[in-house]
Amino acid sequence: VDAYTLAQKAVKAGIFAPMIDAKLGGTPLPNGVKFDTFHDLVWIDELSRTGASGLIAGITIWTMALPPILNFGSQYLIDKVAKP
């Protein structure tokens, strides 16, 4: 499965980049609950239980690589990299 297909399946399952805003393709927690670093660690730990390192890397890389772009990148970079 390629990275794009994996991301699409994770979005449908509601487990793709929960700390990323839905307008950027993330699947935030319901009822406005904020997803913080502690939640991220628990989320990664639960995914690790699958034993599928490729799955984990393919899904969790977005929560490591995207926040610096969202926080410090130009609007052009955000539009180019972060839009689904």
PDB file of N, CA and C in Angstrom:
ATOM      1  N   VAL A   1       0.852  -1.181   0.000  1.00  0.00           N
ATOM      2  CA  VAL A   1       0.000   0.000   0.000  1.00  0.00           C
ATOM      3  C   VAL A   1       0.891   1.235   0.000  1.00  0.00           C
ATOM      4  N   ASP A   2       0.604   2.179  -0.882  1.00  0.00           N
ATOM      5  CA  ASP A   2       1.399   3.400  -0.923  1.00  0.00           C
ATOM      6  C   ASP A   2       0.967   4.350   0.198  1.00  0.00           C
ATOM      7  N   ALA A   3       1.771   5.366   0.461  1.00  0.00           N
ATOM      8  CA  ALA A   3       1.541   6.286   1.579  1.00  0.00           C
ATOM      9  C   ALA A   3       0.208   7.022   1.448  1.00  0.00           C
ATOM     10  N   TYR A   4      -0.161   7.395   0.233  1.00  0.00           N
ATOM     11  CA  TYR A   4      -1.419   8.118   0.033  1.00  0.00           C
ATOM     12  C   TYR A   4      -2.620   7.245   0.384  1.00  0.00           C
ATOM     13  N   THR A   5      -2.604   6.008  -0.074  1.00  0.00           N
ATOM     14  CA  THR A   5      -3.699   5.080   0.228  1.00  0.00           C
ATOM     15  C   THR A   5      -3.777   4.808   1.724  1.00  0.00           C
ATOM     16  N   LEU A   6      -2.625   4.640   2.365  1.00  0.00           N
ATOM     17  CA  LEU A   6      -2.592   4.430   3.810  1.00  0.00           C
ATOM     18  C   LEU A   6      -3.201   5.626   4.534  1.00  0.00           C
ATOM     19  N   ALA A   7      -2.839   6.825   4.111  1.00  0.00           N
ATOM     20  CA  ALA A   7      -3.387   8.028   4.743  1.00  0.00           C
ATOM     21  C   ALA A   7      -4.899   8.098   4.560  1.00  0.00           C
ATOM     22  N   GLN A   8      -5.387   7.790   3.361  1.00  0.00           N
ATOM     23  CA  GLN A   8      -6.827   7.818   3.103  1.00  0.00           C
ATOM     24  C   GLN A   8      -7.570   6.824   4.005  1.00  0.00           C
ATOM     25  N   LYS A   9      -7.009   5.631   4.168  1.00  0.00           N
ATOM     26  CA  LYS A   9      -7.642   4.621   5.021  1.00  0.00           C
ATOM     27  C   LYS A   9      -7.616   5.060   6.489  1.00  0.00           C
ATOM     28  N   ALA A  10      -6.530   5.689   6.905  1.00  0.00           N
ATOM     29  CA  ALA A  10      -6.433   6.165   8.287  1.00  0.00           C
ATOM     30  C   ALA A  10      -7.434   7.284   8.553  1.00  0.00           C
ATOM     31  N   VAL A  11      -7.650   8.154   7.573  1.00  0.00           N
ATOM     32  CA  VAL A  11      -8.643   9.223   7.719  1.00  0.00           C
ATOM     33  C   VAL A  11     -10.030   8.605   7.882  1.00  0.00           C
ATOM     34  N   LYS A  12     -10.355   7.632   7.038  1.00  0.00           N
ATOM     35  CA  LYS A  12     -11.668   6.977   7.123  1.00  0.00           C
ATOM     36  C   LYS A  12     -11.860   6.264   8.456  1.00  0.00           C
ATOM     37  N   ALA A  13     -10.765   5.734   9.015  1.00  0.00           N
ATOM     38  CA  ALA A  13     -10.831   5.051  10.309  1.00  0.00           C
ATOM     39  C   ALA A  13     -10.831   6.032  11.480  1.00  0.00           C
ATOM     40  N   GLY A  14     -10.560   7.309  11.190  1.00  0.00           N
ATOM     41  CA  GLY A  14     -10.553   8.320  12.240  1.00  0.00           C
ATOM     42  C   GLY A  14      -9.294   8.327  13.091  1.00  0.00           C
ATOM     43  N   ILE A  15      -8.192   7.808  12.551  1.00  0.00           N
ATOM     44  CA  ILE A  15      -6.958   7.750  13.341  1.00  0.00           C
ATOM     45  C   ILE A  15      -5.800   8.473  12.669  1.00  0.00           C
ATOM     46  N   PHE A  16      -6.077   9.319  11.700  1.00  0.00           N
ATOM     47  CA  PHE A  16      -5.002   9.999  10.992  1.00  0.00           C
ATOM     48  C   PHE A  16      -4.740  11.373  11.587  1.00  0.00           C
ATOM     49  N   ALA A  17      -3.544  11.574  12.114  1.00  0.00           N
ATOM     50  CA  ALA A  17      -3.080  12.870  12.612  1.00  0.00           C
ATOM     51  C   ALA A  17      -4.121  13.585  13.463  1.00  0.00           C
ATOM     52  N   PRO A  18      -4.501  12.999  14.598  1.00  0.00           N
ATOM     53  CA  PRO A  18      -5.549  13.604  15.414  1.00  0.00           C
ATOM     54  C   PRO A  18      -5.209  14.994  15.958  1.00  0.00           C
ATOM     55  N   MET A  19      -3.936  15.365  15.982  1.00  0.00           N
ATOM     56  CA  MET A  19      -3.609  16.702  16.476  1.00  0.00           C
ATOM     57  C   MET A  19      -3.679  17.757  15.369  1.00  0.00           C
ATOM     58  N   ILE A  20      -3.910  17.326  14.138  1.00  0.00           N
ATOM     59  CA  ILE A  20      -3.985  18.235  13.000  1.00  0.00           C
ATOM     60  C   ILE A  20      -5.445  18.593  12.722  1.00  0.00           C
ATOM     61  N   ASP A  21      -5.689  19.847  12.419  1.00  0.00           N
ATOM     62  CA  ASP A  21      -7.036  20.345  12.150  1.00  0.00           C
ATOM     63  C   ASP A  21      -7.675  19.583  10.990  1.00  0.00           C
ATOM     64  N   ALA A  22      -8.987  19.381  11.065  1.00  0.00           N
ATOM     65  CA  ALA A  22      -9.713  18.638  10.031  1.00  0.00           C
ATOM     66  C   ALA A  22      -9.596  19.295   8.657  1.00  0.00           C
ATOM     67  N   LYS A  23      -9.519  20.627   8.602  1.00  0.00           N
ATOM     68  CA  LYS A  23      -9.417  21.294   7.300  1.00  0.00           C
ATOM     69  C   LYS A  23      -8.094  20.998   6.606  1.00  0.00           C
ATOM     70  N   LEU A  24      -7.118  20.481   7.366  1.00  0.00           N
ATOM     71  CA  LEU A  24      -5.842  20.078   6.796  1.00  0.00           C
ATOM     72  C   LEU A  24      -5.744  18.569   6.630  1.00  0.00           C
ATOM     73  N   GLY A  25      -6.843  17.866   6.880  1.00  0.00           N
ATOM     74  CA  GLY A  25      -6.872  16.429   6.649  1.00  0.00           C
ATOM     75  C   GLY A  25      -6.725  15.578   7.892  1.00  0.00           C
ATOM     76  N   GLY A  26      -6.559  16.204   9.055  1.00  0.00           N
ATOM     77  CA  GLY A  26      -6.478  15.442  10.295  1.00  0.00           C
ATOM     78  C   GLY A  26      -7.842  14.956  10.743  1.00  0.00           C
ATOM     79  N   THR A  27      -7.851  14.132  11.760  1.00  0.00           N
ATOM     80  CA  THR A  27      -9.109  13.656  12.335  1.00  0.00           C
ATOM     81  C   THR A  27      -9.112  13.982  13.828  1.00  0.00           C
ATOM     82  N   PRO A  28      -9.423  15.240  14.172  1.00  0.00           N
ATOM     83  CA  PRO A  28      -9.384  15.660  15.572  1.00  0.00           C
ATOM     84  C   PRO A  28     -10.374  14.903  16.439  1.00  0.00           C
ATOM     85  N   LEU A  29     -10.133  14.953  17.735  1.00  0.00           N
ATOM     86  CA  LEU A  29     -11.029  14.313  18.689  1.00  0.00           C
ATOM     87  C   LEU A  29     -12.382  15.009  18.674  1.00  0.00           C
ATOM     88  N   PRO A  30     -13.453  14.288  18.983  1.00  0.00           N
ATOM     89  CA  PRO A  30     -14.794  14.881  18.963  1.00  0.00           C
ATOM     90  C   PRO A  30     -15.000  15.863  20.114  1.00  0.00           C
ATOM     91  N   ASN A  31     -16.018  16.658  19.991  1.00  0.00           N
ATOM     92  CA  ASN A  31     -16.464  17.595  21.028  1.00  0.00           C
ATOM     93  C   ASN A  31     -15.417  18.632  21.403  1.00  0.00           C
ATOM     94  N   GLY A  32     -14.529  18.963  20.485  1.00  0.00           N
ATOM     95  CA  GLY A  32     -13.544  20.003  20.734  1.00  0.00           C
ATOM     96  C   GLY A  32     -12.446  19.647  21.714  1.00  0.00           C
ATOM     97  N   VAL A  33     -12.297  18.359  22.040  1.00  0.00           N
ATOM     98  CA  VAL A  33     -11.241  17.930  22.960  1.00  0.00           C
ATOM     99  C   VAL A  33      -9.896  18.180  22.290  1.00  0.00           C
ATOM    100  N   LYS A  34      -8.977  18.817  23.016  1.00  0.00           N
ATOM    101  CA  LYS A  34      -7.661  19.132  22.462  1.00  0.00           C
ATOM    102  C   LYS A  34      -6.739  17.924  22.562  1.00  0.00           C
ATOM    103  N   PHE A  35      -6.019  17.651  21.496  1.00  0.00           N
ATOM    104  CA  PHE A  35      -5.082  16.532  21.417  1.00  0.00           C
ATOM    105  C   PHE A  35      -3.701  17.103  21.699  1.00  0.00           C
ATOM    106  N   ASP A  36      -3.086  16.732  22.818  1.00  0.00           N
ATOM    107  CA  ASP A  36      -1.783  17.272  23.180  1.00  0.00           C
ATOM    108  C   ASP A  36      -0.695  16.207  23.068  1.00  0.00           C
ATOM    109  N   THR A  37       0.500  16.530  23.524  1.00  0.00           N
ATOM    110  CA  THR A  37       1.630  15.618  23.408  1.00  0.00           C
ATOM    111  C   THR A  37       1.388  14.317  24.164  1.00  0.00           C
ATOM    112  N   PHE A  38       0.751  14.385  25.317  1.00  0.00           N
ATOM    113  CA  PHE A  38       0.439  13.171  26.067  1.00  0.00           C
ATOM    114  C   PHE A  38      -0.460  12.250  25.253  1.00  0.00           C
ATOM    115  N   HIS A  39      -1.493  12.823  24.651  1.00  0.00           N
ATOM    116  CA  HIS A  39      -2.385  12.027  23.797  1.00  0.00           C
ATOM    117  C   HIS A  39      -1.606  11.403  22.644  1.00  0.00           C
ATOM    118  N   ASP A  40      -0.679  12.178  22.078  1.00  0.00           N
ATOM    119  CA  ASP A  40       0.123  11.694  20.956  1.00  0.00           C
ATOM    120  C   ASP A  40       0.930  10.467  21.382  1.00  0.00           C
ATOM    121  N   LEU A  41       1.531  10.509  22.560  1.00  0.00           N
ATOM    122  CA  LEU A  41       2.308   9.372  23.050  1.00  0.00           C
ATOM    123  C   LEU A  41       1.431   8.140  23.264  1.00  0.00           C
ATOM    124  N   VAL A  42       0.254   8.331  23.822  1.00  0.00           N
ATOM    125  CA  VAL A  42      -0.678   7.213  24.026  1.00  0.00           C
ATOM    126  C   VAL A  42      -1.116   6.652  22.681  1.00  0.00           C
ATOM    127  N   TRP A  43      -1.421   7.538  21.742  1.00  0.00           N
ATOM    128  CA  TRP A  43      -1.854   7.136  20.401  1.00  0.00           C
ATOM    129  C   TRP A  43      -0.772   6.300  19.719  1.00  0.00           C
ATOM    130  N   ILE A  44       0.478   6.766  19.773  1.00  0.00           N
ATOM    131  CA  ILE A  44       1.585   6.026  19.170  1.00  0.00           C
ATOM    132  C   ILE A  44       1.789   4.685  19.875  1.00  0.00           C
ATOM    133  N   ASP A  45       1.660   4.676  21.202  1.00  0.00           N
ATOM    134  CA  ASP A  45       1.801   3.430  21.955  1.00  0.00           C
ATOM    135  C   ASP A  45       0.738   2.413  21.535  1.00  0.00           C
ATOM    136  N   GLU A  46      -0.485   2.870  21.374  1.00  0.00           N
ATOM    137  CA  GLU A  46      -1.560   1.964  20.964  1.00  0.00           C
ATOM    138  C   GLU A  46      -1.326   1.447  19.541  1.00  0.00           C
ATOM    139  N   LEU A  47      -0.884   2.314  18.648  1.00  0.00           N
ATOM    140  CA  LEU A  47      -0.584   1.861  17.288  1.00  0.00           C
ATOM    141  C   LEU A  47       0.572   0.862  17.294  1.00  0.00           C
ATOM    142  N   SER A  48       1.517   1.051  18.203  1.00  0.00           N
ATOM    143  CA  SER A  48       2.684   0.156  18.283  1.00  0.00           C
ATOM    144  C   SER A  48       2.280  -1.267  18.631  1.00  0.00           C
ATOM    145  N   ARG A  49       1.174  -1.424  19.286  1.00  0.00           N
ATOM    146  CA  ARG A  49       0.709  -2.761  19.664  1.00  0.00           C
ATOM    147  C   ARG A  49       0.372  -3.628  18.457  1.00  0.00           C
ATOM    148  N   THR A  50       0.198  -2.995  17.292  1.00  0.00           N
ATOM    149  CA  THR A  50      -0.087  -3.772  16.084  1.00  0.00           C
ATOM    150  C   THR A  50       1.146  -4.529  15.608  1.00  0.00           C
ATOM    151  N   GLY A  51       2.329  -4.044  15.996  1.00  0.00           N
ATOM    152  CA  GLY A  51       3.568  -4.682  15.565  1.00  0.00           C
ATOM    153  C   GLY A  51       3.930  -4.374  14.125  1.00  0.00           C
ATOM    154  N   ALA A  52       3.219  -3.470  13.502  1.00  0.00           N
ATOM    155  CA  ALA A  52       3.461  -3.128  12.107  1.00  0.00           C
ATOM    156  C   ALA A  52       4.205  -1.796  12.029  1.00  0.00           C
ATOM    157  N   SER A  53       5.528  -1.859  12.007  1.00  0.00           N
ATOM    158  CA  SER A  53       6.315  -0.632  12.059  1.00  0.00           C
ATOM    159  C   SER A  53       6.074   0.272  10.849  1.00  0.00           C
ATOM    160  N   GLY A  54       5.830  -0.290   9.689  1.00  0.00           N
ATOM    161  CA  GLY A  54       5.541   0.522   8.510  1.00  0.00           C
ATOM    162  C   GLY A  54       4.242   1.294   8.668  1.00  0.00           C
ATOM    163  N   LEU A  55       3.256   0.650   9.232  1.00  0.00           N
ATOM    164  CA  LEU A  55       1.979   1.304   9.512  1.00  0.00           C
ATOM    165  C   LEU A  55       2.189   2.472  10.454  1.00  0.00           C
ATOM    166  N   ILE A  56       2.904   2.238  11.512  1.00  0.00           N
ATOM    167  CA  ILE A  56       3.133   3.274  12.517  1.00  0.00           C
ATOM    168  C   ILE A  56       3.892   4.450  11.904  1.00  0.00           C
ATOM    169  N   ALA A  57       4.958   4.162  11.178  1.00  0.00           N
ATOM    170  CA  ALA A  57       5.745   5.226  10.555  1.00  0.00           C
ATOM    171  C   ALA A  57       4.916   6.008   9.547  1.00  0.00           C
ATOM    172  N   GLY A  58       4.112   5.306   8.767  1.00  0.00           N
ATOM    173  CA  GLY A  58       3.302   5.962   7.745  1.00  0.00           C
ATOM    174  C   GLY A  58       2.240   6.879   8.294  1.00  0.00           C
ATOM    175  N   ILE A  59       1.737   6.566   9.471  1.00  0.00           N
ATOM    176  CA  ILE A  59       0.681   7.381  10.070  1.00  0.00           C
ATOM    177  C   ILE A  59       1.250   8.451  10.997  1.00  0.00           C
ATOM    178  N   THR A  60       2.229   8.107  11.799  1.00  0.00           N
ATOM    179  CA  THR A  60       2.704   9.048  12.819  1.00  0.00           C
ATOM    180  C   THR A  60       3.674  10.094  12.296  1.00  0.00           C
ATOM    181  N   ILE A  61       4.255   9.897  11.130  1.00  0.00           N
ATOM    182  CA  ILE A  61       5.203  10.886  10.610  1.00  0.00           C
ATOM    183  C   ILE A  61       4.545  12.252  10.465  1.00  0.00           C
ATOM    184  N   TRP A  62       3.258  12.269  10.187  1.00  0.00           N
ATOM    185  CA  TRP A  62       2.560  13.551  10.020  1.00  0.00           C
ATOM    186  C   TRP A  62       2.519  14.348  11.313  1.00  0.00           C
ATOM    187  N   THR A  63       2.431  13.684  12.456  1.00  0.00           N
ATOM    188  CA  THR A  63       2.389  14.424  13.718  1.00  0.00           C
ATOM    189  C   THR A  63       3.778  14.890  14.141  1.00  0.00           C
ATOM    190  N   MET A  64       4.818  14.358  13.520  1.00  0.00           N
ATOM    191  CA  MET A  64       6.179  14.816  13.806  1.00  0.00           C
ATOM    192  C   MET A  64       6.614  15.891  12.814  1.00  0.00           C
ATOM    193  N   ALA A  65       6.282  15.713  11.548  1.00  0.00           N
ATOM    194  CA  ALA A  65       6.790  16.597  10.506  1.00  0.00           C
ATOM    195  C   ALA A  65       5.909  17.815  10.247  1.00  0.00           C
ATOM    196  N   LEU A  66       4.623  17.694  10.440  1.00  0.00           N
ATOM    197  CA  LEU A  66       3.718  18.771  10.064  1.00  0.00           C
ATOM    198  C   LEU A  66       3.625  19.926  11.063  1.00  0.00           C
ATOM    199  N   PRO A  67       3.653  19.710  12.381  1.00  0.00           N
ATOM    200  CA  PRO A  67       3.518  20.845  13.304  1.00  0.00           C
ATOM    201  C   PRO A  67       4.512  21.988  13.094  1.00  0.00           C
ATOM    202  N   PRO A  68       5.806  21.719  12.848  1.00  0.00           N
ATOM    203  CA  PRO A  68       6.699  22.855  12.595  1.00  0.00           C
ATOM    204  C   PRO A  68       6.310  23.656  11.348  1.00  0.00           C
ATOM    205  N   ILE A  69       5.824  22.956  10.326  1.00  0.00           N
ATOM    206  CA  ILE A  69       5.388  23.654   9.114  1.00  0.00           C
ATOM    207  C   ILE A  69       4.160  24.499   9.418  1.00  0.00           C
ATOM    208  N   LEU A  70       3.210  23.947  10.164  1.00  0.00           N
ATOM    209  CA  LEU A  70       1.997  24.685  10.496  1.00  0.00           C
ATOM    210  C   LEU A  70       2.281  25.870  11.408  1.00  0.00           C
ATOM    211  N   ASN A  71       3.234  25.720  12.321  1.00  0.00           N
ATOM    212  CA  ASN A  71       3.522  26.787  13.282  1.00  0.00           C
ATOM    213  C   ASN A  71       4.460  27.862  12.745  1.00  0.00           C
ATOM    214  N   PHE A  72       5.381  27.481  11.863  1.00  0.00           N
ATOM    215  CA  PHE A  72       6.409  28.428  11.446  1.00  0.00           C
ATOM    216  C   PHE A  72       6.524  28.630   9.941  1.00  0.00           C
ATOM    217  N   GLY A  73       5.809  27.829   9.162  1.00  0.00           N
ATOM    218  CA  GLY A  73       5.911  27.933   7.710  1.00  0.00           C
ATOM    219  C   GLY A  73       5.077  29.061   7.142  1.00  0.00           C
ATOM    220  N   SER A  74       5.443  29.494   5.946  1.00  0.00           N
ATOM    221  CA  SER A  74       4.661  30.517   5.249  1.00  0.00           C
ATOM    222  C   SER A  74       3.336  29.900   4.789  1.00  0.00           C
ATOM    223  N   GLN A  75       2.386  30.760   4.443  1.00  0.00           N
ATOM    224  CA  GLN A  75       1.098  30.266   3.964  1.00  0.00           C
ATOM    225  C   GLN A  75       1.283  29.455   2.683  1.00  0.00           C
ATOM    226  N   TYR A  76       2.230  29.887   1.838  1.00  0.00           N
ATOM    227  CA  TYR A  76       2.526  29.145   0.612  1.00  0.00           C
ATOM    228  C   TYR A  76       2.966  27.718   0.935  1.00  0.00           C
ATOM    229  N   LEU A  77       3.882  27.577   1.900  1.00  0.00           N
ATOM    230  CA  LEU A  77       4.380  26.257   2.267  1.00  0.00           C
ATOM    231  C   LEU A  77       3.266  25.405   2.876  1.00  0.00           C
ATOM    232  N   ILE A  78       2.455  26.004   3.733  1.00  0.00           N
ATOM    233  CA  ILE A  78       1.334  25.267   4.331  1.00  0.00           C
ATOM    234  C   ILE A  78       0.386  24.775   3.240  1.00  0.00           C
ATOM    235  N   ASP A  79       0.053  25.657   2.301  1.00  0.00           N
ATOM    236  CA  ASP A  79      -0.842  25.256   1.209  1.00  0.00           C
ATOM    237  C   ASP A  79      -0.241  24.161   0.338  1.00  0.00           C
ATOM    238  N   LYS A  80       1.069  24.228   0.118  1.00  0.00           N
ATOM    239  CA  LYS A  80       1.729  23.256  -0.746  1.00  0.00           C
ATOM    240  C   LYS A  80       1.906  21.896  -0.067  1.00  0.00           C
ATOM    241  N   VAL A  81       2.212  21.889   1.215  1.00  0.00           N
ATOM    242  CA  VAL A  81       2.573  20.653   1.923  1.00  0.00           C
ATOM    243  C   VAL A  81       1.446  20.096   2.773  1.00  0.00           C
ATOM    244  N   ALA A  82       0.678  20.947   3.403  1.00  0.00           N
ATOM    245  CA  ALA A  82      -0.246  20.465   4.430  1.00  0.00           C
ATOM    246  C   ALA A  82      -1.676  20.257   3.962  1.00  0.00           C
ATOM    247  N   LYS A  83      -2.037  20.760   2.840  1.00  0.00           N
ATOM    248  CA  LYS A  83      -3.411  20.571   2.382  1.00  0.00           C
ATOM    249  C   LYS A  83      -3.606  19.154   1.881  1.00  0.00           C
ATOM    250  N   PRO A  84      -4.760  18.540   2.232  1.00  0.00           N
ATOM    251  CA  PRO A  84      -4.995  17.152   1.785  1.00  0.00           C
ATOM    252  C   PRO A  84      -5.189  17.049   0.280  1.00  0.00           C
TER     253      PRO A  84
END
